[in-house]
C-alpha atoms as a PDB file:
ATOM      1  CA  MET A   1      94.921 -36.407 -50.551  1.00  0.00           C
ATOM      2  CA  ASP A   2      94.640 -40.413 -49.480  1.00  0.00           C
ATOM      3  CA  ASN A   3      95.642 -39.550 -46.048  1.00  0.00           C
ATOM      4  CA  ILE A   4      93.294 -36.753 -45.578  1.00  0.00           C
ATOM      5  CA  THR A   5      90.111 -39.315 -46.671  1.00  0.00           C
ATOM      6  CA  LYS A   6      91.701 -41.189 -44.509  1.00  0.00           C
ATOM      7  CA  LYS A   7      91.685 -39.302 -41.164  1.00  0.00           C
ATOM      8  CA  ARG A   8      88.019 -37.970 -42.417  1.00  0.00           C
ATOM      9  CA  GLU A   9      87.576 -41.943 -42.697  1.00  0.00           C
ATOM     10  CA  GLU A  10      88.655 -42.285 -38.889  1.00  0.00           C
ATOM     11  CA  ARG A  11      86.883 -39.814 -37.141  1.00  0.00           C
ATOM     12  CA  LYS A  12      83.954 -40.612 -38.625  1.00  0.00           C
ATOM     13  CA  ARG A  13      84.056 -43.992 -36.711  1.00  0.00           C
ATOM     14  CA  GLU A  14      85.295 -42.272 -33.523  1.00  0.00           C
ATOM     15  CA  ARG A  15      82.435 -39.674 -33.654  1.00  0.00           C
ATOM     16  CA  TRP A  16      80.440 -43.373 -34.326  1.00  0.00           C
ATOM     17  CA  ASP A  17      81.630 -45.328 -31.793  1.00  0.00           C
ATOM     18  CA  LEU A  18      80.459 -41.971 -29.058  1.00  0.00           C
ATOM     19  CA  ILE A  19      76.854 -41.810 -30.421  1.00  0.00           C
ATOM     20  CA  LEU A  20      76.766 -45.844 -30.738  1.00  0.00           C
ATOM     21  CA  PHE A  21      77.920 -45.953 -26.780  1.00  0.00           C
ATOM     22  CA  ILE A  22      75.591 -43.133 -25.689  1.00  0.00           C
ATOM     23  CA  ILE A  23      72.982 -44.964 -26.773  1.00  0.00           C
ATOM     24  CA  LEU A  24      74.325 -48.387 -24.933  1.00  0.00           C
ATOM     25  CA  LEU A  25      74.017 -46.197 -21.772  1.00  0.00           C
ATOM     26  CA  ILE A  26      70.676 -44.411 -22.559  1.00  0.00           C
ATOM     27  CA  ALA A  27      69.101 -47.956 -23.354  1.00  0.00           C
ATOM     28  CA  ILE A  28      70.581 -48.973 -20.137  1.00  0.00           C
ATOM     29  CA  PHE A  29      68.919 -46.477 -18.468  1.00  0.00           C
ATOM     30  CA  ILE A  30      65.522 -46.650 -19.474  1.00  0.00           C
ATOM     31  CA  ALA A  31      66.121 -50.749 -19.200  1.00  0.00           C
ATOM     32  CA  TRP A  32      67.160 -49.675 -15.361  1.00  0.00           C
ATOM     33  CA  VAL A  33      64.639 -47.743 -15.080  1.00  0.00           C
ATOM     34  CA  ILE A  34      61.023 -50.053 -16.683  1.00  0.00           C
ATOM     35  CA  ILE A  35      62.653 -52.966 -14.435  1.00  0.00           C
ATOM     36  CA  ASP A  36      62.423 -51.031 -10.983  1.00  0.00           C
ATOM     37  CA  LYS A  37      58.609 -49.881 -12.317  1.00  0.00           C
ATOM     38  CA  LYS A  38      57.966 -52.970 -13.185  1.00  0.00           C
ATOM     39  CA  PHE A  39      59.372 -55.109  -9.669  1.00  0.00           C
ATOM     40  CA  PRO A  40      59.746 -52.299  -7.840  1.00  0.00           C
ATOM     41  CA  GLU A  41      59.157 -54.650  -4.107  1.00  0.00           C
ATOM     42  CA  GLN A  42      62.149 -57.845  -5.020  1.00  0.00           C
ATOM     43  CA  ILE A  43      64.458 -55.505  -5.823  1.00  0.00           C
ATOM     44  CA  ARG A  44      63.519 -53.009  -2.520  1.00  0.00           C
ATOM     45  CA  SER A  45      63.375 -55.801  -0.369  1.00  0.00           C
ATOM     46  CA  ARG A  46      66.534 -57.509  -0.999  1.00  0.00           C
ATOM     47  CA  LYS A  47      68.251 -53.807  -0.767  1.00  0.00           C
ATOM     48  CA  TYR A  48      66.463 -53.985   3.025  1.00  0.00           C
ATOM     49  CA  ASN A  49      67.555 -57.614   3.931  1.00  0.00           C
ATOM     50  CA  ASP A  50      70.951 -57.102   2.710  1.00  0.00           C
ATOM     51  CA  LYS A  51      71.632 -53.771   4.905  1.00  0.00           C
ATOM     52  CA  TYR A  52      68.841 -55.483   8.174  1.00  0.00           C
ATOM     53  CA  GLU A  53      69.540 -59.169   8.101  1.00  0.00           C
ATOM     54  CA  SER A  54      73.180 -59.906   8.283  1.00  0.00           C
ATOM     55  CA  ASP A  55      75.794 -63.273   8.890  1.00  0.00           C
ATOM     56  CA  VAL A  56      76.544 -63.659  12.577  1.00  0.00           C
ATOM     57  CA  LYS A  57      79.140 -66.582  13.686  1.00  0.00           C
ATOM     58  CA  THR A  58      78.537 -68.018  16.745  1.00  0.00           C
ATOM     59  CA  TYR A  59      80.032 -70.216  19.149  1.00  0.00           C
ATOM     60  CA  ASP A  60      81.366 -73.293  17.586  1.00  0.00           C
ATOM     61  CA  GLY A  61      82.166 -71.108  14.916  1.00  0.00           C
ATOM     62  CA  SER A  62      79.108 -71.828  12.041  1.00  0.00           C
ATOM     63  CA  LEU A  63      77.554 -69.127  10.467  1.00  0.00           C
ATOM     64  CA  HIS A  64      73.962 -68.729  10.532  1.00  0.00           C
ATOM     65  CA  ARG A  65      71.557 -65.999   9.583  1.00  0.00           C
ATOM     66  CA  ASN A  66      70.705 -63.117  12.366  1.00  0.00           C
ATOM     67  CA  LEU A  67      66.956 -63.700  12.931  1.00  0.00           C
ATOM     68  CA  ALA A  68      66.833 -62.689  16.554  1.00  0.00           C
ATOM     69  CA  ASN A  69      66.999 -59.308  15.181  1.00  0.00           C
ATOM     70  CA  PRO A  70      65.790 -58.801  11.899  1.00  0.00           C
ATOM     71  CA  LEU A  71      65.429 -55.349  11.660  1.00  0.00           C
ATOM     72  CA  GLY A  72      68.761 -54.708  12.989  1.00  0.00           C
ATOM     73  CA  SER A  73      67.080 -51.696  15.697  1.00  0.00           C
ATOM     74  CA  GLU A  74      68.624 -52.024  19.405  1.00  0.00           C
END
């Protein structure tokens, strides 16, 4: 009987671990949505800058921001 109760307790613990993990994932998703709605321009502008502005090497080997073509259009 003692072995059966140990297995039951272990299954309960595993279930609770799974439930808490799912709750954690849902909470992270909700926080991400709230942050995206509150600060959309900062997040989107950061993505925009990372996509279109790149570090380029000059003739002397130093790095600088590519400001001559900030939109990435040729």
